[in-house]
Amino acid sequence: MVDIPRETKSKTLKRILYGGSALVALVLITVGLSRLERAAPTVDRATLWLDTVKRGELLLERRGPGTLVPEEIRAITARTAGRVEEVILLPGAIVQPETVILRLSDPDVELATRNAEWDLQTAEANYRDLEVRMETQRLQQRAQAAAVQAEYSIQTLTAERDQQLYDEELISELSLRLSLTRADQAKTRHEIEQELLRILDISIQEQLGVQQMQVDQLRARYVLALSDLEALYVKADIPGVLQEMEMEVGQSVAPGTVLARVVQPDDLKAELRIPEVQAKDIQIGQRAIVDTRTAEIPGIVTRIDPAAQQGTVTVDIKLLLDQMPNGRLPDGARPQLSVDGTVEITRLPDVLYVGKPAFGQSNSTVGLFKVVDQGEYAVRVNVQLGLGSVNLIEVIQGLEEGDEVILSDMSRWDSVDRVRLR
């Protein structure tokens, strides 16, 4: 047998002491490390959007895209039914009010015009015939009235003569009375004839008036038919540019069909599409700026659409060309040109403001990283925001003038309150 040496008690105790010391050291190291602050994550400064808090006047604006559209668009419609015989002009042509852009045909309109002309000529002939007959009747009545008046004058003179003879006792009283009676009778006939002549004049005027009314009605009908005939030659009605022409030769059209559209290219307005959450601050009369990419045109709000469409509200801007250097639209401005517009809401004097953060809304409190330690670190602070504009927003509380803050999206660092900038 081989003897196995036994460990002594002193060696066992030594091992226990070493193991216990190691365990205590490990616990102390763990506790110490847990009490140390976690190292701040590092963020590349070049990838961040920073801005400095400023004090001064803040212009509140609302911005939206839009297009230039004509102030007046004249829709040229078909006055009567017809068929397209000829397309004379195409879109883009410069037109005047009397410029013919399209020719239609309609046999019914042509026939109605001829019938109306014949009816008018017949009525005019009837009027002239009635006028001649009435004038003849008037002359006959005047002749008869003149004869009665002459008889009345003779009987009056005879009565006056017989009165003198009776006064000189040259004739009898009976002869005088007969003479006076004949004079009274002649006077009555004269008055009746004059009244008949007056009534005849009124009757003639009435009959001619009725006939003239018929002539006027038929003339109006003929003028309308003639106008319908002329309307087959479709005209532009206003000076401008032919914008649309969708008719084809041989196509049939109904009354009221839109044949073409004419616009005035030098008389434009801007239609902006403002987000509906911002449109509540816009009012008629507010000033605006329309950016055509080549120039900025001052304007004024003239109309706000009462309904929202697809999340936006249409706002009409009248262009104030009298405030442009040359008093006209800039080169390249034309209908349907895409533009950007900014509407001035109000001005806030002497307020703190900063660039609008990625997730900062008006009248809200957000957490922003403020740059500290000479730009080496940024710490999270709660900032109360006020009214906001397009790119700027009012600072109510949480920052001071001159503070530099990060406006970029820092949502990936929501779990920390401090970051290191490199």
Protein backbone atom coordinates (compact mmCIF):
# COMPACT_ATOMS: atom_id res chain seq x y z
CA MET A 1 0.00 0.00 0.00
CA VAL A 2 1.02 3.54 -0.78
CA ASP A 3 0.53 6.11 1.87
CA ILE A 4 -1.54 9.21 0.75
CA PRO A 5 -0.50 12.33 2.57
CA ARG A 6 -3.36 14.20 4.31
CA GLU A 7 -3.80 17.96 4.07
CA THR A 8 -3.25 19.79 7.21
CA LYS A 9 -5.87 22.02 8.80
CA SER A 10 -3.73 25.09 8.17
CA LYS A 11 -3.82 24.61 4.39
CA THR A 12 -7.61 24.19 4.33
CA LEU A 13 -8.13 27.33 6.33
CA LYS A 14 -5.84 29.23 3.96
CA ARG A 15 -7.89 28.18 0.93
CA ILE A 16 -11.10 29.26 2.61
CA LEU A 17 -9.66 32.67 3.35
CA TYR A 18 -8.44 33.11 -0.24
CA GLY A 19 -11.82 32.09 -1.69
CA GLY A 20 -13.72 34.37 0.65
CA SER A 21 -11.48 37.31 -0.17
CA ALA A 22 -12.00 36.74 -3.88
CA LEU A 23 -15.77 36.56 -3.44
CA VAL A 24 -15.84 39.80 -1.40
CA ALA A 25 -13.69 41.52 -4.01
CA LEU A 26 -16.05 40.40 -6.81
CA VAL A 27 -19.07 41.72 -4.91
CA LEU A 28 -17.37 45.04 -4.23
CA ILE A 29 -16.40 45.40 -7.90
CA THR A 30 -19.97 44.63 -9.02
CA VAL A 31 -21.47 47.16 -6.64
CA GLY A 32 -18.96 49.78 -7.69
CA LEU A 33 -19.66 49.27 -11.35
CA SER A 34 -23.42 49.44 -10.79
CA ARG A 35 -23.01 52.80 -9.11
CA LEU A 36 -21.11 54.27 -12.04
CA GLU A 37 -23.17 56.39 -14.55
CA ARG A 38 -23.73 54.78 -17.94
CA ALA A 39 -21.56 56.36 -20.60
CA ALA A 40 -23.48 58.86 -22.80
CA PRO A 41 -24.00 57.60 -26.35
CA THR A 42 -22.13 59.45 -29.06
CA VAL A 43 -23.92 61.28 -31.87
CA ASP A 44 -22.27 62.69 -35.00
CA ARG A 45 -22.80 66.46 -34.98
CA ALA A 46 -22.67 66.56 -38.79
CA THR A 47 -25.91 64.55 -38.97
CA LEU A 48 -27.82 66.89 -36.70
CA TRP A 49 -29.87 70.02 -37.37
CA LEU A 50 -29.07 72.63 -34.74
CA ASP A 51 -30.38 76.13 -34.21
CA THR A 52 -29.86 78.97 -31.76
CA VAL A 53 -32.66 80.56 -29.75
CA LYS A 54 -33.15 84.19 -30.79
CA ARG A 55 -35.23 87.11 -29.56
CA GLY A 56 -37.06 89.51 -31.82
CA GLU A 57 -40.10 89.81 -34.06
CA LEU A 58 -41.64 86.52 -35.18
CA LEU A 59 -43.64 86.52 -38.40
CA LEU A 60 -46.36 83.86 -38.30
CA GLU A 61 -47.05 82.42 -41.74
CA ARG A 62 -48.91 79.57 -43.37
CA ARG A 63 -47.52 77.94 -46.48
CA GLY A 64 -48.93 75.66 -49.11
CA PRO A 65 -48.40 74.60 -52.73
CA GLY A 66 -50.72 75.77 -55.47
CA THR A 67 -51.15 76.72 -59.09
CA LEU A 68 -51.75 79.86 -61.12
CA VAL A 69 -55.22 79.91 -62.65
CA PRO A 70 -57.01 82.54 -64.75
CA GLU A 71 -59.24 85.01 -62.93
CA GLU A 72 -61.78 84.54 -65.70
CA ILE A 73 -62.38 81.35 -67.66
CA ARG A 74 -65.05 81.74 -70.32
CA ALA A 75 -66.80 78.48 -71.20
CA ILE A 76 -68.05 78.68 -74.78
CA THR A 77 -71.26 76.64 -75.04
CA ALA A 78 -73.48 75.55 -77.89
CA ARG A 79 -76.54 77.78 -78.15
CA THR A 80 -78.46 75.29 -80.24
CA ALA A 81 -78.12 71.67 -81.24
CA GLY A 82 -75.92 71.08 -84.25
CA ARG A 83 -73.09 69.22 -85.87
CA VAL A 84 -69.46 70.30 -85.98
CA GLU A 85 -68.63 71.23 -89.55
CA GLU A 86 -65.22 72.83 -89.06
CA VAL A 87 -62.69 73.33 -86.24
CA ILE A 88 -61.07 76.62 -87.14
CA LEU A 89 -58.65 77.18 -84.22
CA LEU A 90 -56.75 74.88 -81.84
CA PRO A 91 -55.73 75.41 -78.18
CA GLY A 92 -53.06 78.05 -77.73
CA ALA A 93 -54.44 80.40 -80.39
CA ILE A 94 -54.79 84.08 -79.47
CA VAL A 95 -58.38 85.20 -79.95
CA GLN A 96 -60.51 88.34 -79.86
CA PRO A 97 -64.23 88.56 -78.97
CA GLU A 98 -65.29 88.27 -82.63
CA THR A 99 -62.82 85.51 -83.54
CA VAL A 100 -64.63 82.45 -84.95
CA ILE A 101 -63.18 79.29 -83.41
CA LEU A 102 -65.71 76.70 -84.56
CA ARG A 103 -68.47 76.30 -87.16
CA LEU A 104 -71.63 74.27 -86.60
CA SER A 105 -74.54 73.42 -88.86
CA ASP A 106 -78.25 72.80 -88.15
CA PRO A 107 -80.90 72.75 -90.95
CA ASP A 108 -83.68 73.35 -88.40
CA VAL A 109 -82.10 76.62 -87.32
CA GLU A 110 -81.73 77.78 -90.91
CA LEU A 111 -85.37 76.91 -91.69
CA ALA A 112 -86.61 78.61 -88.53
CA THR A 113 -84.72 81.75 -89.51
CA ARG A 114 -86.30 81.86 -92.97
CA ASN A 115 -89.79 81.24 -91.55
CA ALA A 116 -89.31 83.99 -88.98
CA GLU A 117 -88.19 86.37 -91.72
CA TRP A 118 -91.25 85.60 -93.85
CA ASP A 119 -93.61 86.02 -90.89
CA LEU A 120 -92.05 89.38 -90.10
CA GLN A 121 -92.33 90.59 -93.69
CA THR A 122 -96.02 89.55 -93.78
CA ALA A 123 -96.74 91.36 -90.52
CA GLU A 124 -94.97 94.49 -91.74
CA ALA A 125 -97.02 94.41 -94.97
CA ASN A 126 -100.23 94.03 -92.95
CA TYR A 127 -99.22 96.97 -90.80
CA ARG A 128 -98.60 99.16 -93.83
CA ASP A 129 -101.96 98.11 -95.34
CA LEU A 130 -103.79 98.89 -92.09
CA GLU A 131 -101.99 102.20 -91.85
CA VAL A 132 -103.15 103.18 -95.35
CA ARG A 133 -106.76 102.16 -94.68
CA MET A 134 -106.80 103.99 -91.36
CA GLU A 135 -105.37 107.11 -92.93
CA THR A 136 -108.04 106.97 -95.68
CA GLN A 137 -110.77 106.65 -93.08
CA ARG A 138 -109.31 109.54 -91.12
CA LEU A 139 -109.27 111.76 -94.21
CA GLN A 140 -112.90 110.89 -95.00
CA GLN A 141 -113.93 111.73 -91.47
CA ARG A 142 -111.99 114.98 -91.57
CA ALA A 143 -113.66 115.90 -94.85
CA GLN A 144 -117.10 115.24 -93.39
CA ALA A 145 -116.23 117.16 -90.25
CA ALA A 146 -115.03 120.05 -92.39
CA ALA A 147 -118.32 120.10 -94.32
CA VAL A 148 -120.30 120.11 -91.09
CA GLN A 149 -118.11 122.88 -89.73
CA ALA A 150 -118.73 124.93 -92.86
CA GLU A 151 -122.49 124.40 -92.51
CA TYR A 152 -122.23 125.43 -88.85
CA SER A 153 -120.41 128.62 -89.80
CA ILE A 154 -123.03 129.45 -92.47
CA GLN A 155 -125.95 128.87 -90.09
CA THR A 156 -124.26 130.93 -87.39
CA LEU A 157 -123.76 133.86 -89.79
CA THR A 158 -127.36 133.52 -91.05
CA ALA A 159 -128.69 133.63 -87.48
CA GLU A 160 -126.64 136.74 -86.76
CA ARG A 161 -127.96 138.43 -89.92
CA ASP A 162 -131.58 137.53 -89.12
CA GLN A 163 -131.14 138.88 -85.60
CA GLN A 164 -130.13 142.26 -87.06
CA LEU A 165 -133.06 142.22 -89.50
CA TYR A 166 -135.45 141.34 -86.71
CA ASP A 167 -134.07 144.14 -84.59
CA GLU A 168 -134.84 146.51 -87.49
CA GLU A 169 -138.29 144.94 -87.79
CA LEU A 170 -137.55 143.74 -91.30
CA ILE A 171 -138.38 140.09 -90.68
CA SER A 172 -140.81 138.29 -88.44
CA GLU A 173 -140.00 136.64 -85.14
CA LEU A 174 -140.81 133.24 -86.66
CA SER A 175 -138.13 133.65 -89.30
CA LEU A 176 -135.60 134.58 -86.60
CA ARG A 177 -136.49 131.56 -84.49
CA LEU A 178 -136.13 129.23 -87.48
CA SER A 179 -132.74 130.70 -88.23
CA LEU A 180 -131.54 130.29 -84.64
CA THR A 181 -132.78 126.68 -84.54
CA ARG A 182 -130.85 125.80 -87.70
CA ALA A 183 -127.73 127.39 -86.17
CA ASP A 184 -128.09 125.32 -82.97
CA GLN A 185 -128.59 122.17 -85.03
CA ALA A 186 -125.46 122.93 -87.08
CA LYS A 187 -123.50 123.52 -83.87
CA THR A 188 -124.58 120.16 -82.44
CA ARG A 189 -123.62 118.32 -85.65
CA HIS A 190 -120.28 120.11 -85.64
CA GLU A 191 -119.56 119.01 -82.06
CA ILE A 192 -120.56 115.43 -82.87
CA GLU A 193 -118.32 115.32 -85.93
CA GLN A 194 -115.40 116.66 -83.92
CA GLU A 195 -115.96 114.00 -81.26
CA LEU A 196 -116.18 111.32 -83.94
CA LEU A 197 -112.91 112.55 -85.40
CA ARG A 198 -111.26 112.40 -81.97
CA ILE A 199 -112.57 108.87 -81.32
CA LEU A 200 -111.44 107.77 -84.78
CA ASP A 201 -107.92 109.00 -84.06
CA ILE A 202 -107.87 106.97 -80.82
CA SER A 203 -109.22 103.89 -82.63
CA ILE A 204 -106.61 104.22 -85.37
CA GLN A 205 -103.83 104.48 -82.79
CA GLU A 206 -105.12 101.40 -80.96
CA GLN A 207 -105.43 99.31 -84.12
CA LEU A 208 -102.01 100.38 -85.36
CA GLY A 209 -100.58 99.72 -81.88
CA VAL A 210 -101.92 96.16 -81.86
CA GLN A 211 -100.54 95.54 -85.33
CA GLN A 212 -97.22 97.15 -84.35
CA MET A 213 -97.01 94.88 -81.30
CA GLN A 214 -97.42 91.86 -83.53
CA VAL A 215 -94.73 93.21 -85.83
CA ASP A 216 -92.41 93.75 -82.83
CA GLN A 217 -93.01 90.22 -81.57
CA LEU A 218 -92.26 88.72 -84.96
CA ARG A 219 -89.21 90.98 -85.32
CA ALA A 220 -87.92 89.79 -81.93
CA ARG A 221 -88.52 86.20 -83.01
CA TYR A 222 -86.65 86.84 -86.24
CA VAL A 223 -83.77 88.52 -84.39
CA LEU A 224 -83.58 85.53 -82.06
CA ALA A 225 -83.65 83.11 -84.97
CA LEU A 226 -81.01 85.16 -86.76
CA SER A 227 -78.91 85.16 -83.59
CA ASP A 228 -79.25 81.37 -83.41
CA LEU A 229 -78.10 81.18 -87.01
CA GLU A 230 -75.11 83.42 -86.31
CA ALA A 231 -74.34 81.35 -83.20
CA LEU A 232 -73.52 78.44 -85.47
CA TYR A 233 -70.31 80.39 -86.07
CA VAL A 234 -68.96 79.99 -82.53
CA LYS A 235 -66.96 83.00 -81.34
CA ALA A 236 -64.52 83.49 -78.48
CA ASP A 237 -66.58 86.26 -76.75
CA ILE A 238 -63.55 87.64 -74.85
CA PRO A 239 -59.95 88.48 -75.75
CA GLY A 240 -57.47 85.89 -74.57
CA VAL A 241 -56.06 82.48 -75.39
CA LEU A 242 -58.01 79.42 -76.47
CA GLN A 243 -57.28 76.97 -73.64
CA GLU A 244 -59.41 73.95 -74.53
CA MET A 245 -61.00 72.64 -77.71
CA GLU A 246 -62.37 69.13 -77.46
CA MET A 247 -64.72 69.08 -80.47
CA GLU A 248 -64.12 66.98 -83.57
CA VAL A 249 -65.52 67.44 -87.07
CA GLY A 250 -68.77 65.53 -87.45
CA GLN A 251 -69.52 65.45 -83.75
CA SER A 252 -73.10 66.23 -82.72
CA VAL A 253 -73.65 68.63 -79.84
CA ALA A 254 -76.68 69.45 -77.71
CA PRO A 255 -77.67 72.91 -76.48
CA GLY A 256 -75.48 73.91 -73.54
CA THR A 257 -72.59 71.62 -74.47
CA VAL A 258 -69.21 73.17 -73.60
CA LEU A 259 -67.38 73.57 -76.91
CA ALA A 260 -64.23 75.38 -75.77
CA ARG A 261 -62.72 77.49 -73.00
CA VAL A 262 -61.00 80.85 -73.37
CA VAL A 263 -58.78 82.38 -70.67
CA GLN A 264 -57.02 85.68 -70.20
CA PRO A 265 -53.39 84.67 -69.53
CA ASP A 266 -52.37 88.07 -68.17
CA ASP A 267 -55.10 88.08 -65.51
CA LEU A 268 -54.13 85.26 -63.14
CA LYS A 269 -54.65 84.39 -59.49
CA ALA A 270 -53.05 81.78 -57.25
CA GLU A 271 -54.99 78.89 -55.74
CA LEU A 272 -53.08 77.61 -52.70
CA ARG A 273 -53.77 74.31 -50.93
CA ILE A 274 -53.26 74.98 -47.23
CA PRO A 275 -53.38 72.05 -44.72
CA GLU A 276 -56.75 72.16 -42.99
CA VAL A 277 -55.17 72.32 -39.50
CA GLN A 278 -53.46 75.59 -40.49
CA ALA A 279 -56.24 77.10 -42.60
CA LYS A 280 -58.21 78.11 -39.49
CA ASP A 281 -55.81 81.02 -38.98
CA ILE A 282 -56.25 82.42 -42.51
CA GLN A 283 -58.67 85.30 -43.10
CA ILE A 284 -59.71 87.32 -46.12
CA GLY A 285 -57.57 90.41 -46.56
CA GLN A 286 -54.32 88.93 -45.21
CA ARG A 287 -51.19 89.59 -47.22
CA ALA A 288 -49.43 86.80 -49.07
CA ILE A 289 -46.38 86.06 -51.21
CA VAL A 290 -46.57 83.76 -54.24
CA ASP A 291 -43.28 82.19 -55.33
CA THR A 292 -43.14 81.23 -59.02
CA ARG A 293 -39.55 79.92 -58.71
CA THR A 294 -38.38 82.88 -60.80
CA ALA A 295 -39.95 85.73 -58.82
CA GLU A 296 -42.03 86.49 -55.74
CA ILE A 297 -45.36 88.22 -56.34
CA PRO A 298 -47.18 90.04 -53.51
CA GLY A 299 -50.85 89.21 -53.12
CA ILE A 300 -53.86 89.30 -50.86
CA VAL A 301 -56.31 86.61 -49.72
CA THR A 302 -59.65 87.08 -51.51
CA ARG A 303 -61.46 83.76 -50.94
CA ILE A 304 -61.30 80.76 -48.62
CA ASP A 305 -63.04 77.57 -49.68
CA PRO A 306 -65.62 76.66 -47.03
CA ALA A 307 -64.93 72.91 -47.41
CA ALA A 308 -61.75 70.88 -47.08
CA GLN A 309 -60.74 68.39 -49.75
CA GLN A 310 -58.20 65.64 -49.13
CA GLY A 311 -56.91 67.38 -46.02
CA THR A 312 -56.39 70.82 -47.58
CA VAL A 313 -58.38 74.03 -47.96
CA THR A 314 -58.19 76.04 -51.18
CA VAL A 315 -57.27 79.70 -50.67
CA ASP A 316 -57.46 82.23 -53.53
CA ILE A 317 -54.72 84.86 -53.73
CA LYS A 318 -55.18 87.97 -55.87
CA LEU A 319 -51.84 88.97 -57.38
CA LEU A 320 -50.93 92.63 -56.75
CA LEU A 321 -49.11 93.30 -60.00
CA ASP A 322 -49.08 97.05 -59.35
CA GLN A 323 -46.47 96.33 -56.67
CA MET A 324 -44.20 94.52 -59.11
CA PRO A 325 -41.26 96.50 -60.56
CA ASN A 326 -42.62 96.37 -64.13
CA GLY A 327 -46.29 96.13 -63.20
CA ARG A 328 -46.83 92.77 -64.93
CA LEU A 329 -46.41 89.05 -64.38
CA PRO A 330 -42.84 87.69 -64.36
CA ASP A 331 -41.58 85.81 -67.38
CA GLY A 332 -42.78 82.24 -67.46
CA ALA A 333 -45.93 82.84 -65.41
CA ARG A 334 -48.79 81.08 -67.15
CA PRO A 335 -51.98 79.18 -66.27
CA GLN A 336 -51.49 75.90 -64.36
CA LEU A 337 -47.94 76.86 -63.32
CA SER A 338 -47.02 75.23 -59.99
CA VAL A 339 -46.20 77.77 -57.27
CA ASP A 340 -45.64 78.00 -53.52
CA GLY A 341 -47.56 80.52 -51.46
CA THR A 342 -47.08 81.98 -48.01
CA VAL A 343 -49.85 83.79 -46.14
CA GLU A 344 -48.88 86.27 -43.40
CA ILE A 345 -51.03 85.61 -40.31
CA THR A 346 -49.64 88.08 -37.76
CA ARG A 347 -46.41 89.44 -36.24
CA LEU A 348 -45.32 88.76 -32.65
CA PRO A 349 -42.98 91.50 -31.38
CA ASP A 350 -40.08 90.76 -28.98
CA VAL A 351 -40.46 87.01 -28.38
CA LEU A 352 -38.07 84.08 -28.08
CA TYR A 353 -38.14 81.81 -31.09
CA VAL A 354 -36.22 78.97 -32.65
CA GLY A 355 -36.41 76.75 -35.69
CA LYS A 356 -39.33 74.36 -35.74
CA PRO A 357 -38.25 70.97 -34.30
CA ALA A 358 -39.00 67.75 -36.13
CA PHE A 359 -41.87 66.81 -33.81
CA GLY A 360 -42.72 70.18 -32.26
CA GLN A 361 -46.28 71.40 -32.64
CA SER A 362 -47.69 74.79 -31.70
CA ASN A 363 -48.82 75.20 -28.08
CA SER A 364 -47.19 71.99 -26.84
CA THR A 365 -44.39 70.87 -24.52
CA VAL A 366 -41.58 68.77 -26.02
CA GLY A 367 -38.24 67.39 -24.92
CA LEU A 368 -35.31 68.95 -26.77
CA PHE A 369 -31.59 68.36 -26.43
CA LYS A 370 -29.76 71.55 -25.42
CA VAL A 371 -26.07 71.79 -26.24
CA VAL A 372 -23.89 72.21 -23.09
CA ASP A 373 -20.24 71.98 -21.99
CA GLN A 374 -18.87 74.03 -24.88
CA GLY A 375 -20.67 71.85 -27.40
CA GLU A 376 -19.32 68.53 -26.13
CA TYR A 377 -22.63 67.24 -24.74
CA ALA A 378 -26.35 67.80 -25.16
CA VAL A 379 -28.90 67.28 -22.36
CA ARG A 380 -32.65 66.84 -22.58
CA VAL A 381 -34.80 69.76 -21.37
CA ASN A 382 -38.55 70.26 -21.44
CA VAL A 383 -39.49 73.21 -23.66
CA GLN A 384 -42.92 74.84 -23.79
CA LEU A 385 -43.69 76.02 -27.34
CA GLY A 386 -46.15 78.73 -28.38
CA LEU A 387 -47.39 79.84 -31.77
CA GLY A 388 -45.64 78.40 -34.78
CA SER A 389 -44.93 79.65 -38.29
CA VAL A 390 -43.68 77.82 -41.37
CA ASN A 391 -40.11 77.21 -40.15
CA LEU A 392 -40.01 79.01 -36.78
CA ILE A 393 -41.85 78.59 -33.48
CA GLU A 394 -42.23 80.67 -30.33
CA VAL A 395 -40.46 79.54 -27.14
CA ILE A 396 -42.50 80.15 -23.98
CA GLN A 397 -40.40 78.39 -21.37
CA GLY A 398 -37.39 76.09 -21.02
CA LEU A 399 -34.79 77.91 -23.14
CA GLU A 400 -32.97 81.22 -23.06
CA GLU A 401 -31.71 83.52 -25.77
CA GLY A 402 -28.49 82.13 -27.21
CA ASP A 403 -29.16 78.49 -26.24
CA GLU A 404 -28.29 76.02 -28.98
CA VAL A 405 -30.69 73.11 -29.39
CA ILE A 406 -30.98 70.05 -31.60
CA LEU A 407 -34.05 70.20 -33.86
CA SER A 408 -33.47 66.86 -35.59
CA ASP A 409 -35.46 63.73 -34.83
CA MET A 410 -33.88 62.29 -31.65
CA SER A 411 -36.52 59.64 -30.98
CA ARG A 412 -33.86 56.86 -31.08
CA TRP A 413 -32.34 58.43 -27.97
CA ASP A 414 -35.58 58.56 -25.95
CA SER A 415 -34.04 56.28 -23.31
CA VAL A 416 -31.24 58.71 -22.44
CA ASP A 417 -31.16 62.29 -21.21
CA ARG A 418 -27.59 63.05 -22.28
CA VAL A 419 -25.64 62.47 -25.48
CA ARG A 420 -22.07 63.16 -26.49
CA LEU A 421 -21.43 65.20 -29.65
CA ARG A 422 -18.44 64.54 -31.81
